[in-house]
């Protein structure tokens, strides 16, 4: 019997081009009743919904990777699926660069990332499976009175009352 001839293997790769857009979502209202709008990068999906490519600085209840439907006329959204990411916001009275230099490598070590930064605000995304305790330890060690800063979750508490836990992570953590 002769040697087996090697047949070339062809792998067909279907590439999907990511269609990114900027959408405007209402984050709240001014005292005069005017909408406060935040612009967010999203990926438009074939189903007609959108996947957030960054956690918002002001819109409550969302994080990077969440899938939403959007009413562009109203600037409102409806959450379709959570990504499992926590949205963490750090706000400072003074320039936040030193704090960013301290926090970013620690958050990245846990698998998180910096989604947005300016002189006063940092917005991080990190998967809930890293654990609330680990995330909070890092933040509490660096954020506070000494740095004239504070931190908060953007998607852990009810957007209406600001104190009731949403508990969306319970199912995700049970699956792990």
C-alpha atoms as a PDB file:
ATOM      1  CA  UNK A   1       0.000   0.000   0.000  1.00  0.00           C
ATOM      2  CA  UNK A   2       1.349   3.406  -0.940  1.00  0.00           C
ATOM      3  CA  UNK A   3       1.859   6.401   1.278  1.00  0.00           C
ATOM      4  CA  UNK A   4      -1.231   8.357   2.071  1.00  0.00           C
ATOM      5  CA  UNK A   5      -1.391  11.533   0.109  1.00  0.00           C
ATOM      6  CA  UNK A   6      -1.907  14.645   2.132  1.00  0.00           C
ATOM      7  CA  UNK A   7      -4.977  16.558   1.105  1.00  0.00           C
ATOM      8  CA  UNK A   8      -5.092  20.249   1.743  1.00  0.00           C
ATOM      9  CA  UNK A   9      -7.606  21.277   4.345  1.00  0.00           C
ATOM     10  CA  UNK A  10      -9.638  24.357   3.631  1.00  0.00           C
ATOM     11  CA  UNK A  11     -11.182  26.273   6.450  1.00  0.00           C
ATOM     12  CA  UNK A  12     -13.817  28.768   5.522  1.00  0.00           C
ATOM     13  CA  UNK A  13     -13.881  31.731   7.879  1.00  0.00           C
ATOM     14  CA  UNK A  14     -16.875  33.977   7.800  1.00  0.00           C
ATOM     15  CA  UNK A  15     -15.943  37.409   9.001  1.00  0.00           C
ATOM     16  CA  UNK A  16     -18.596  39.642  10.352  1.00  0.00           C
ATOM     17  CA  UNK A  17     -17.857  43.258  10.039  1.00  0.00           C
ATOM     18  CA  UNK A  18     -18.664  45.045  13.260  1.00  0.00           C
ATOM     19  CA  UNK A  19     -20.945  47.968  12.611  1.00  0.00           C
ATOM     20  CA  UNK A  20     -20.229  50.502  15.319  1.00  0.00           C
ATOM     21  CA  UNK A  21     -22.338  53.543  15.958  1.00  0.00           C
ATOM     22  CA  UNK A  22     -22.701  56.305  18.474  1.00  0.00           C
ATOM     23  CA  UNK A  23     -26.086  56.443  20.183  1.00  0.00           C
ATOM     24  CA  UNK A  24     -27.475  59.071  22.521  1.00  0.00           C
ATOM     25  CA  UNK A  25     -29.222  57.866  25.665  1.00  0.00           C
ATOM     26  CA  UNK A  26     -30.947  60.032  28.246  1.00  0.00           C
ATOM     27  CA  UNK A  27     -29.089  59.840  31.562  1.00  0.00           C
ATOM     28  CA  UNK A  28     -31.436  62.103  33.490  1.00  0.00           C
ATOM     29  CA  UNK A  29     -32.882  65.594  33.492  1.00  0.00           C
ATOM     30  CA  UNK A  30     -31.592  69.008  34.485  1.00  0.00           C
ATOM     31  CA  UNK A  31     -33.444  70.947  37.220  1.00  0.00           C
ATOM     32  CA  UNK A  32     -35.197  72.754  34.355  1.00  0.00           C
ATOM     33  CA  UNK A  33     -36.435  69.423  32.985  1.00  0.00           C
ATOM     34  CA  UNK A  34     -34.090  69.286  29.979  1.00  0.00           C
ATOM     35  CA  UNK A  35     -32.666  65.863  29.117  1.00  0.00           C
ATOM     36  CA  UNK A  36     -29.049  65.077  29.971  1.00  0.00           C
ATOM     37  CA  UNK A  37     -27.733  62.976  27.099  1.00  0.00           C
ATOM     38  CA  UNK A  38     -24.747  60.628  27.052  1.00  0.00           C
ATOM     39  CA  UNK A  39     -23.170  59.420  23.827  1.00  0.00           C
ATOM     40  CA  UNK A  40     -22.118  55.762  23.846  1.00  0.00           C
ATOM     41  CA  UNK A  41     -20.302  53.539  21.373  1.00  0.00           C
ATOM     42  CA  UNK A  42     -22.361  50.506  20.411  1.00  0.00           C
ATOM     43  CA  UNK A  43     -22.272  47.622  17.977  1.00  0.00           C
ATOM     44  CA  UNK A  44     -25.410  47.307  15.892  1.00  0.00           C
ATOM     45  CA  UNK A  45     -26.344  43.635  15.735  1.00  0.00           C
ATOM     46  CA  UNK A  46     -28.163  41.744  12.986  1.00  0.00           C
ATOM     47  CA  UNK A  47     -31.196  41.356  15.252  1.00  0.00           C
ATOM     48  CA  UNK A  48     -31.652  45.151  15.287  1.00  0.00           C
ATOM     49  CA  UNK A  49     -30.507  45.567  18.873  1.00  0.00           C
ATOM     50  CA  UNK A  50     -27.228  47.012  20.159  1.00  0.00           C
ATOM     51  CA  UNK A  51     -24.319  45.777  22.267  1.00  0.00           C
ATOM     52  CA  UNK A  52     -22.601  48.414  24.387  1.00  0.00           C
ATOM     53  CA  UNK A  53     -18.889  48.759  23.636  1.00  0.00           C
ATOM     54  CA  UNK A  54     -18.289  50.804  26.784  1.00  0.00           C
ATOM     55  CA  UNK A  55     -19.819  51.240  30.192  1.00  0.00           C
ATOM     56  CA  UNK A  56     -21.600  54.581  30.565  1.00  0.00           C
ATOM     57  CA  UNK A  57     -20.470  57.364  32.870  1.00  0.00           C
ATOM     58  CA  UNK A  58     -23.985  58.633  33.581  1.00  0.00           C
ATOM     59  CA  UNK A  59     -26.691  56.329  32.182  1.00  0.00           C
ATOM     60  CA  UNK A  60     -27.725  54.025  35.026  1.00  0.00           C
ATOM     61  CA  UNK A  61     -28.230  50.293  34.910  1.00  0.00           C
ATOM     62  CA  UNK A  62     -25.910  49.356  32.030  1.00  0.00           C
ATOM     63  CA  UNK A  63     -22.379  48.055  31.481  1.00  0.00           C
ATOM     64  CA  UNK A  64     -20.091  47.157  28.595  1.00  0.00           C
ATOM     65  CA  UNK A  65     -21.403  44.173  26.647  1.00  0.00           C
ATOM     66  CA  UNK A  66     -25.048  44.554  27.666  1.00  0.00           C
ATOM     67  CA  UNK A  67     -27.526  44.174  24.818  1.00  0.00           C
ATOM     68  CA  UNK A  68     -30.288  46.769  24.530  1.00  0.00           C
ATOM     69  CA  UNK A  69     -32.991  47.939  22.184  1.00  0.00           C
ATOM     70  CA  UNK A  70     -33.050  51.685  21.715  1.00  0.00           C
ATOM     71  CA  UNK A  71     -35.824  54.158  20.993  1.00  0.00           C
ATOM     72  CA  UNK A  72     -33.731  56.837  19.274  1.00  0.00           C
ATOM     73  CA  UNK A  73     -36.540  59.396  19.325  1.00  0.00           C
ATOM     74  CA  UNK A  74     -36.828  59.243  23.109  1.00  0.00           C
ATOM     75  CA  UNK A  75     -33.200  58.388  23.862  1.00  0.00           C
ATOM     76  CA  UNK A  76     -34.483  55.524  25.982  1.00  0.00           C
ATOM     77  CA  UNK A  77     -33.450  51.879  26.076  1.00  0.00           C
ATOM     78  CA  UNK A  78     -34.725  48.497  27.134  1.00  0.00           C
ATOM     79  CA  UNK A  79     -32.246  45.993  28.486  1.00  0.00           C
ATOM     80  CA  UNK A  80     -32.417  42.665  26.617  1.00  0.00           C
ATOM     81  CA  UNK A  81     -29.437  40.800  28.091  1.00  0.00           C
ATOM     82  CA  UNK A  82     -26.771  41.500  30.689  1.00  0.00           C
ATOM     83  CA  UNK A  83     -23.137  40.803  29.889  1.00  0.00           C
ATOM     84  CA  UNK A  84     -22.164  40.052  33.465  1.00  0.00           C
ATOM     85  CA  UNK A  85     -19.953  43.136  33.647  1.00  0.00           C
ATOM     86  CA  UNK A  86     -19.978  45.596  36.494  1.00  0.00           C
ATOM     87  CA  UNK A  87     -19.860  49.283  35.627  1.00  0.00           C
ATOM     88  CA  UNK A  88     -17.593  51.130  38.069  1.00  0.00           C
ATOM     89  CA  UNK A  89     -17.423  54.924  38.166  1.00  0.00           C
ATOM     90  CA  UNK A  90     -14.698  56.874  39.922  1.00  0.00           C
ATOM     91  CA  UNK A  91     -15.166  60.631  40.320  1.00  0.00           C
ATOM     92  CA  UNK A  92     -12.611  63.104  41.687  1.00  0.00           C
ATOM     93  CA  UNK A  93     -12.582  66.788  42.629  1.00  0.00           C
ATOM     94  CA  UNK A  94      -9.124  67.231  41.168  1.00  0.00           C
ATOM     95  CA  UNK A  95      -7.170  65.762  38.265  1.00  0.00           C
ATOM     96  CA  UNK A  96      -7.721  62.024  38.300  1.00  0.00           C
ATOM     97  CA  UNK A  97      -4.583  60.930  36.413  1.00  0.00           C
ATOM     98  CA  UNK A  98      -2.653  59.720  39.473  1.00  0.00           C
ATOM     99  CA  UNK A  99      -5.662  57.700  40.572  1.00  0.00           C
ATOM    100  CA  UNK A 100      -6.022  56.277  37.049  1.00  0.00           C
ATOM    101  CA  UNK A 101      -2.361  55.247  37.066  1.00  0.00           C
ATOM    102  CA  UNK A 102      -2.907  53.402  40.368  1.00  0.00           C
ATOM    103  CA  UNK A 103      -6.257  51.766  39.565  1.00  0.00           C
ATOM    104  CA  UNK A 104      -5.972  50.788  35.920  1.00  0.00           C
ATOM    105  CA  UNK A 105      -3.281  48.081  36.293  1.00  0.00           C
ATOM    106  CA  UNK A 106      -5.034  46.606  39.337  1.00  0.00           C
ATOM    107  CA  UNK A 107      -8.411  46.423  37.581  1.00  0.00           C
ATOM    108  CA  UNK A 108      -6.756  45.011  34.452  1.00  0.00           C
ATOM    109  CA  UNK A 109      -5.067  42.311  36.577  1.00  0.00           C
ATOM    110  CA  UNK A 110      -8.589  41.106  37.439  1.00  0.00           C
ATOM    111  CA  UNK A 111      -9.591  41.146  33.762  1.00  0.00           C
ATOM    112  CA  UNK A 112     -11.276  44.537  33.772  1.00  0.00           C
ATOM    113  CA  UNK A 113     -10.648  47.534  31.574  1.00  0.00           C
ATOM    114  CA  UNK A 114     -10.874  51.291  31.498  1.00  0.00           C
ATOM    115  CA  UNK A 115     -13.724  52.326  29.183  1.00  0.00           C
ATOM    116  CA  UNK A 116     -13.693  56.091  29.624  1.00  0.00           C
ATOM    117  CA  UNK A 117     -11.534  58.735  31.250  1.00  0.00           C
ATOM    118  CA  UNK A 118     -11.375  62.503  31.440  1.00  0.00           C
ATOM    119  CA  UNK A 119      -9.895  64.888  34.022  1.00  0.00           C
ATOM    120  CA  UNK A 120     -12.523  64.019  36.672  1.00  0.00           C
ATOM    121  CA  UNK A 121     -14.116  60.662  35.789  1.00  0.00           C
ATOM    122  CA  UNK A 122     -12.951  57.085  35.212  1.00  0.00           C
ATOM    123  CA  UNK A 123     -15.321  54.344  34.058  1.00  0.00           C
ATOM    124  CA  UNK A 124     -14.249  50.708  34.335  1.00  0.00           C
ATOM    125  CA  UNK A 125     -15.876  47.443  33.278  1.00  0.00           C
ATOM    126  CA  UNK A 126     -15.068  44.205  35.058  1.00  0.00           C
ATOM    127  CA  UNK A 127     -16.855  40.864  35.078  1.00  0.00           C
ATOM    128  CA  UNK A 128     -18.834  40.120  38.233  1.00  0.00           C
ATOM    129  CA  UNK A 129     -17.136  36.716  38.551  1.00  0.00           C
ATOM    130  CA  UNK A 130     -14.032  38.568  39.822  1.00  0.00           C
ATOM    131  CA  UNK A 131     -16.017  39.066  43.007  1.00  0.00           C
ATOM    132  CA  UNK A 132     -17.415  42.147  44.671  1.00  0.00           C
ATOM    133  CA  UNK A 133     -14.963  41.819  47.561  1.00  0.00           C
ATOM    134  CA  UNK A 134     -11.868  41.895  45.315  1.00  0.00           C
ATOM    135  CA  UNK A 135     -13.156  44.866  43.319  1.00  0.00           C
ATOM    136  CA  UNK A 136     -14.234  46.815  46.391  1.00  0.00           C
ATOM    137  CA  UNK A 137     -10.915  46.154  48.162  1.00  0.00           C
ATOM    138  CA  UNK A 138      -8.981  47.751  45.284  1.00  0.00           C
ATOM    139  CA  UNK A 139     -11.316  50.719  45.085  1.00  0.00           C
ATOM    140  CA  UNK A 140     -11.495  51.304  48.841  1.00  0.00           C
ATOM    141  CA  UNK A 141      -7.687  51.152  49.097  1.00  0.00           C
ATOM    142  CA  UNK A 142      -7.240  53.956  46.539  1.00  0.00           C
ATOM    143  CA  UNK A 143     -10.418  56.019  46.398  1.00  0.00           C
ATOM    144  CA  UNK A 144     -11.611  58.250  49.222  1.00  0.00           C
ATOM    145  CA  UNK A 145     -10.973  61.399  51.240  1.00  0.00           C
ATOM    146  CA  UNK A 146      -7.210  61.467  50.711  1.00  0.00           C
ATOM    147  CA  UNK A 147      -7.579  61.533  46.917  1.00  0.00           C
ATOM    148  CA  UNK A 148     -10.751  63.656  47.127  1.00  0.00           C
ATOM    149  CA  UNK A 149     -12.600  61.019  45.160  1.00  0.00           C
ATOM    150  CA  UNK A 150     -15.451  58.556  45.389  1.00  0.00           C
ATOM    151  CA  UNK A 151     -16.529  55.463  43.529  1.00  0.00           C
ATOM    152  CA  UNK A 152     -19.871  53.852  42.761  1.00  0.00           C
ATOM    153  CA  UNK A 153     -21.390  51.042  40.784  1.00  0.00           C
ATOM    154  CA  UNK A 154     -23.376  52.075  37.742  1.00  0.00           C
ATOM    155  CA  UNK A 155     -25.450  48.916  37.339  1.00  0.00           C
ATOM    156  CA  UNK A 156     -25.730  47.229  40.745  1.00  0.00           C
ATOM    157  CA  UNK A 157     -28.507  49.284  42.364  1.00  0.00           C
ATOM    158  CA  UNK A 158     -31.997  50.133  41.185  1.00  0.00           C
ATOM    159  CA  UNK A 159     -31.807  53.300  39.049  1.00  0.00           C
ATOM    160  CA  UNK A 160     -35.008  54.603  40.647  1.00  0.00           C
ATOM    161  CA  UNK A 161     -34.115  54.436  44.340  1.00  0.00           C
ATOM    162  CA  UNK A 162     -30.332  54.012  44.124  1.00  0.00           C
ATOM    163  CA  UNK A 163     -30.160  51.589  47.066  1.00  0.00           C
ATOM    164  CA  UNK A 164     -32.034  48.385  46.236  1.00  0.00           C
ATOM    165  CA  UNK A 165     -29.673  45.762  44.764  1.00  0.00           C
ATOM    166  CA  UNK A 166     -30.753  44.547  41.324  1.00  0.00           C
ATOM    167  CA  UNK A 167     -29.318  41.067  42.019  1.00  0.00           C
ATOM    168  CA  UNK A 168     -28.874  40.299  38.297  1.00  0.00           C
ATOM    169  CA  UNK A 169     -25.501  38.710  39.140  1.00  0.00           C
ATOM    170  CA  UNK A 170     -27.023  35.919  41.256  1.00  0.00           C
ATOM    171  CA  UNK A 171     -27.905  33.808  38.219  1.00  0.00           C
ATOM    172  CA  UNK A 172     -24.560  34.483  36.537  1.00  0.00           C
ATOM    173  CA  UNK A 173     -22.588  33.480  39.624  1.00  0.00           C
ATOM    174  CA  UNK A 174     -24.670  30.316  40.109  1.00  0.00           C
ATOM    175  CA  UNK A 175     -23.810  29.240  36.563  1.00  0.00           C
ATOM    176  CA  UNK A 176     -20.061  29.570  37.237  1.00  0.00           C
END
